Amino acid sequence: MADMKNLVTFIAQALVDKPDEVSVTEVEGEATSVIELRVAKDDMGKVIGKMGRTAKAIRTVVNAAATKHKKRAVLEIVE
C-alpha cells in the first residue's frame, strides 16, 4: 500500500517547516500496516497539534484510506 505511505508523506510535508526532513516507513503485515512518521524535532508539535488533534485527524484519514483497501493502518509518530 504505497499510496498510504505517500498520503502520510504528503500530509506531513504540508504541515511542517522542514518538509525535506519528513521520513515515512511502512511495515506491512497481513491485516495491519504500521506507518512510522518521523519529522524534525522542531516540527513535532505541528504534526501532533494541540492536545493531539492534528495527529488524531491524520490517523482518521489514514484509517479511512486503509478501510478502502480492506486493511487496518496504525500511524506511529516517532521522535
N, C-alpha and C. Protein backbone atom coordinates (compact mmCIF):
# COMPACT_ATOMS: atom_id res chain seq x y z
N MET A 1 0.83 -1.18 0.00
CA MET A 1 0.00 0.00 0.00
C MET A 1 0.88 1.25 0.00
N ALA A 2 1.58 1.44 -1.09
CA ALA A 2 2.47 2.59 -1.21
C ALA A 2 1.71 3.90 -1.17
N ASP A 3 0.43 3.86 -1.57
CA ASP A 3 -0.36 5.09 -1.55
C ASP A 3 -0.60 5.59 -0.13
N MET A 4 -0.61 4.69 0.87
CA MET A 4 -0.75 5.10 2.27
C MET A 4 0.49 5.88 2.70
N LYS A 5 1.64 5.35 2.31
CA LYS A 5 2.91 6.00 2.63
C LYS A 5 2.97 7.38 1.99
N ASN A 6 2.54 7.46 0.73
CA ASN A 6 2.52 8.74 0.02
C ASN A 6 1.54 9.72 0.65
N LEU A 7 0.40 9.21 1.10
CA LEU A 7 -0.61 10.04 1.74
C LEU A 7 -0.06 10.68 3.01
N VAL A 8 0.55 9.87 3.87
CA VAL A 8 1.11 10.38 5.12
C VAL A 8 2.23 11.38 4.83
N THR A 9 3.08 11.06 3.86
CA THR A 9 4.17 11.96 3.48
C THR A 9 3.62 13.30 3.01
N PHE A 10 2.62 13.27 2.16
CA PHE A 10 2.01 14.49 1.62
C PHE A 10 1.43 15.36 2.74
N ILE A 11 0.67 14.75 3.65
CA ILE A 11 0.05 15.49 4.74
C ILE A 11 1.11 16.09 5.66
N ALA A 12 2.10 15.27 6.03
CA ALA A 12 3.14 15.73 6.95
C ALA A 12 3.96 16.87 6.34
N GLN A 13 4.32 16.74 5.07
CA GLN A 13 5.13 17.78 4.43
C GLN A 13 4.37 19.09 4.32
N ALA A 14 3.05 19.02 4.22
CA ALA A 14 2.24 20.24 4.14
C ALA A 14 2.18 20.95 5.50
N LEU A 15 2.36 20.20 6.58
CA LEU A 15 2.24 20.76 7.92
C LEU A 15 3.53 21.36 8.49
N VAL A 16 4.66 20.80 8.11
CA VAL A 16 5.92 21.14 8.78
C VAL A 16 6.69 22.27 8.08
N ASP A 17 7.68 22.81 8.81
CA ASP A 17 8.56 23.85 8.25
C ASP A 17 9.71 23.25 7.45
N LYS A 18 10.11 22.02 7.79
CA LYS A 18 11.23 21.35 7.10
C LYS A 18 10.73 20.09 6.41
N PRO A 19 10.06 20.25 5.26
CA PRO A 19 9.47 19.08 4.59
C PRO A 19 10.50 18.05 4.11
N ASP A 20 11.74 18.48 3.90
CA ASP A 20 12.77 17.54 3.44
C ASP A 20 13.20 16.58 4.55
N GLU A 21 12.85 16.88 5.80
CA GLU A 21 13.22 16.01 6.92
C GLU A 21 12.10 15.05 7.30
N VAL A 22 11.02 15.02 6.52
CA VAL A 22 9.92 14.09 6.78
C VAL A 22 10.32 12.71 6.25
N SER A 23 10.18 11.70 7.11
CA SER A 23 10.51 10.34 6.72
C SER A 23 9.36 9.42 7.12
N VAL A 24 8.88 8.63 6.17
CA VAL A 24 7.77 7.72 6.44
C VAL A 24 8.21 6.31 6.04
N THR A 25 8.09 5.38 7.00
CA THR A 25 8.37 3.98 6.70
C THR A 25 7.12 3.17 6.99
N GLU A 26 6.94 2.12 6.22
CA GLU A 26 5.73 1.30 6.37
C GLU A 26 6.12 -0.15 6.57
N VAL A 27 5.60 -0.74 7.65
CA VAL A 27 5.80 -2.15 7.92
C VAL A 27 4.45 -2.81 7.69
N GLU A 28 4.40 -3.62 6.64
CA GLU A 28 3.12 -4.19 6.24
C GLU A 28 2.96 -5.61 6.76
N GLY A 29 1.84 -5.83 7.46
CA GLY A 29 1.51 -7.18 7.92
C GLY A 29 0.38 -7.72 7.06
N GLU A 30 -0.19 -8.86 7.47
CA GLU A 30 -1.28 -9.45 6.70
C GLU A 30 -2.52 -8.58 6.70
N ALA A 31 -2.94 -8.16 7.89
CA ALA A 31 -4.18 -7.38 8.00
C ALA A 31 -3.92 -5.94 8.42
N THR A 32 -2.75 -5.67 9.00
CA THR A 32 -2.47 -4.34 9.54
C THR A 32 -1.15 -3.81 9.01
N SER A 33 -1.15 -2.53 8.67
CA SER A 33 0.09 -1.85 8.30
C SER A 33 0.45 -0.86 9.40
N VAL A 34 1.72 -0.84 9.77
CA VAL A 34 2.20 0.14 10.74
C VAL A 34 3.00 1.19 9.97
N ILE A 35 2.54 2.42 10.06
CA ILE A 35 3.20 3.51 9.34
C ILE A 35 3.91 4.38 10.36
N GLU A 36 5.23 4.50 10.22
CA GLU A 36 6.02 5.31 11.14
C GLU A 36 6.36 6.64 10.50
N LEU A 37 6.04 7.71 11.20
CA LEU A 37 6.29 9.06 10.71
C LEU A 37 7.36 9.71 11.57
N ARG A 38 8.42 10.18 10.90
CA ARG A 38 9.48 10.91 11.60
C ARG A 38 9.58 12.30 10.99
N VAL A 39 9.64 13.31 11.86
CA VAL A 39 9.81 14.69 11.41
C VAL A 39 10.92 15.33 12.23
N ALA A 40 11.35 16.53 11.82
CA ALA A 40 12.36 17.26 12.58
C ALA A 40 11.82 17.55 13.98
N LYS A 41 12.72 17.62 14.96
CA LYS A 41 12.31 17.82 16.35
C LYS A 41 11.48 19.11 16.51
N ASP A 42 11.86 20.15 15.78
CA ASP A 42 11.14 21.43 15.86
C ASP A 42 9.70 21.31 15.33
N ASP A 43 9.48 20.39 14.40
CA ASP A 43 8.17 20.25 13.75
C ASP A 43 7.25 19.26 14.46
N MET A 44 7.73 18.61 15.50
CA MET A 44 6.93 17.59 16.18
C MET A 44 5.60 18.16 16.67
N GLY A 45 5.63 19.35 17.22
CA GLY A 45 4.41 19.98 17.73
C GLY A 45 3.39 20.26 16.64
N LYS A 46 3.87 20.59 15.45
CA LYS A 46 2.96 20.88 14.33
C LYS A 46 2.23 19.62 13.88
N VAL A 47 2.92 18.49 13.93
CA VAL A 47 2.32 17.22 13.49
C VAL A 47 1.35 16.69 14.55
N ILE A 48 1.69 16.89 15.82
CA ILE A 48 0.82 16.39 16.89
C ILE A 48 -0.36 17.33 17.11
N GLY A 49 -0.11 18.63 17.12
CA GLY A 49 -1.18 19.61 17.29
C GLY A 49 -1.60 19.78 18.74
N LYS A 50 -2.49 20.72 18.97
CA LYS A 50 -2.96 20.98 20.33
C LYS A 50 -3.76 19.78 20.82
N MET A 51 -3.34 19.26 21.97
CA MET A 51 -4.00 18.10 22.59
C MET A 51 -4.11 16.91 21.62
N GLY A 52 -3.20 16.81 20.67
CA GLY A 52 -3.16 15.68 19.76
C GLY A 52 -4.21 15.70 18.66
N ARG A 53 -4.84 16.86 18.46
CA ARG A 53 -5.92 16.92 17.46
C ARG A 53 -5.44 16.68 16.04
N THR A 54 -4.29 17.25 15.67
CA THR A 54 -3.78 17.07 14.31
C THR A 54 -3.40 15.61 14.08
N ALA A 55 -2.71 15.01 15.05
CA ALA A 55 -2.33 13.60 14.93
C ALA A 55 -3.57 12.72 14.81
N LYS A 56 -4.59 13.02 15.59
CA LYS A 56 -5.84 12.24 15.54
C LYS A 56 -6.49 12.38 14.16
N ALA A 57 -6.47 13.59 13.60
CA ALA A 57 -7.06 13.81 12.28
C ALA A 57 -6.29 13.03 11.21
N ILE A 58 -4.96 13.04 11.29
CA ILE A 58 -4.15 12.30 10.31
C ILE A 58 -4.47 10.81 10.43
N ARG A 59 -4.57 10.31 11.67
CA ARG A 59 -4.89 8.89 11.88
C ARG A 59 -6.26 8.54 11.31
N THR A 60 -7.21 9.45 11.44
CA THR A 60 -8.55 9.21 10.90
C THR A 60 -8.51 9.08 9.38
N VAL A 61 -7.78 9.97 8.73
CA VAL A 61 -7.65 9.93 7.26
C VAL A 61 -6.95 8.65 6.83
N VAL A 62 -5.89 8.28 7.53
CA VAL A 62 -5.14 7.06 7.19
C VAL A 62 -6.03 5.82 7.37
N ASN A 63 -6.80 5.78 8.46
CA ASN A 63 -7.71 4.64 8.68
C ASN A 63 -8.79 4.56 7.61
N ALA A 64 -9.30 5.72 7.20
CA ALA A 64 -10.32 5.73 6.14
C ALA A 64 -9.74 5.19 4.84
N ALA A 65 -8.52 5.60 4.51
CA ALA A 65 -7.88 5.11 3.28
C ALA A 65 -7.58 3.62 3.38
N ALA A 66 -7.18 3.15 4.55
CA ALA A 66 -6.88 1.73 4.74
C ALA A 66 -8.14 0.89 4.64
N THR A 67 -9.23 1.40 5.18
CA THR A 67 -10.51 0.68 5.13
C THR A 67 -10.93 0.46 3.69
N LYS A 68 -10.63 1.41 2.84
CA LYS A 68 -10.95 1.30 1.42
C LYS A 68 -10.26 0.07 0.80
N HIS A 69 -9.06 -0.27 1.34
CA HIS A 69 -8.31 -1.43 0.87
C HIS A 69 -8.59 -2.67 1.72
N LYS A 70 -9.62 -2.58 2.58
CA LYS A 70 -9.99 -3.68 3.49
C LYS A 70 -8.82 -4.10 4.38
N LYS A 71 -8.08 -3.10 4.86
CA LYS A 71 -6.97 -3.34 5.78
C LYS A 71 -7.10 -2.40 6.96
N ARG A 72 -6.17 -2.50 7.88
CA ARG A 72 -6.12 -1.63 9.03
C ARG A 72 -4.76 -0.96 9.04
N ALA A 73 -4.71 0.31 9.42
CA ALA A 73 -3.44 1.03 9.46
C ALA A 73 -3.27 1.71 10.81
N VAL A 74 -2.06 1.64 11.32
CA VAL A 74 -1.74 2.30 12.59
C VAL A 74 -0.63 3.30 12.30
N LEU A 75 -0.87 4.55 12.67
CA LEU A 75 0.13 5.61 12.46
C LEU A 75 0.88 5.84 13.77
N GLU A 76 2.20 5.70 13.71
CA GLU A 76 3.03 6.00 14.88
C GLU A 76 3.90 7.18 14.55
N ILE A 77 3.86 8.19 15.43
CA ILE A 77 4.73 9.35 15.25
C ILE A 77 5.94 9.13 16.14
N VAL A 78 7.09 8.93 15.50
CA VAL A 78 8.31 8.55 16.21
C VAL A 78 9.20 9.76 16.38
N GLU A 79 9.79 9.88 17.58
CA GLU A 79 10.71 11.00 17.82
C GLU A 79 12.09 10.65 17.33
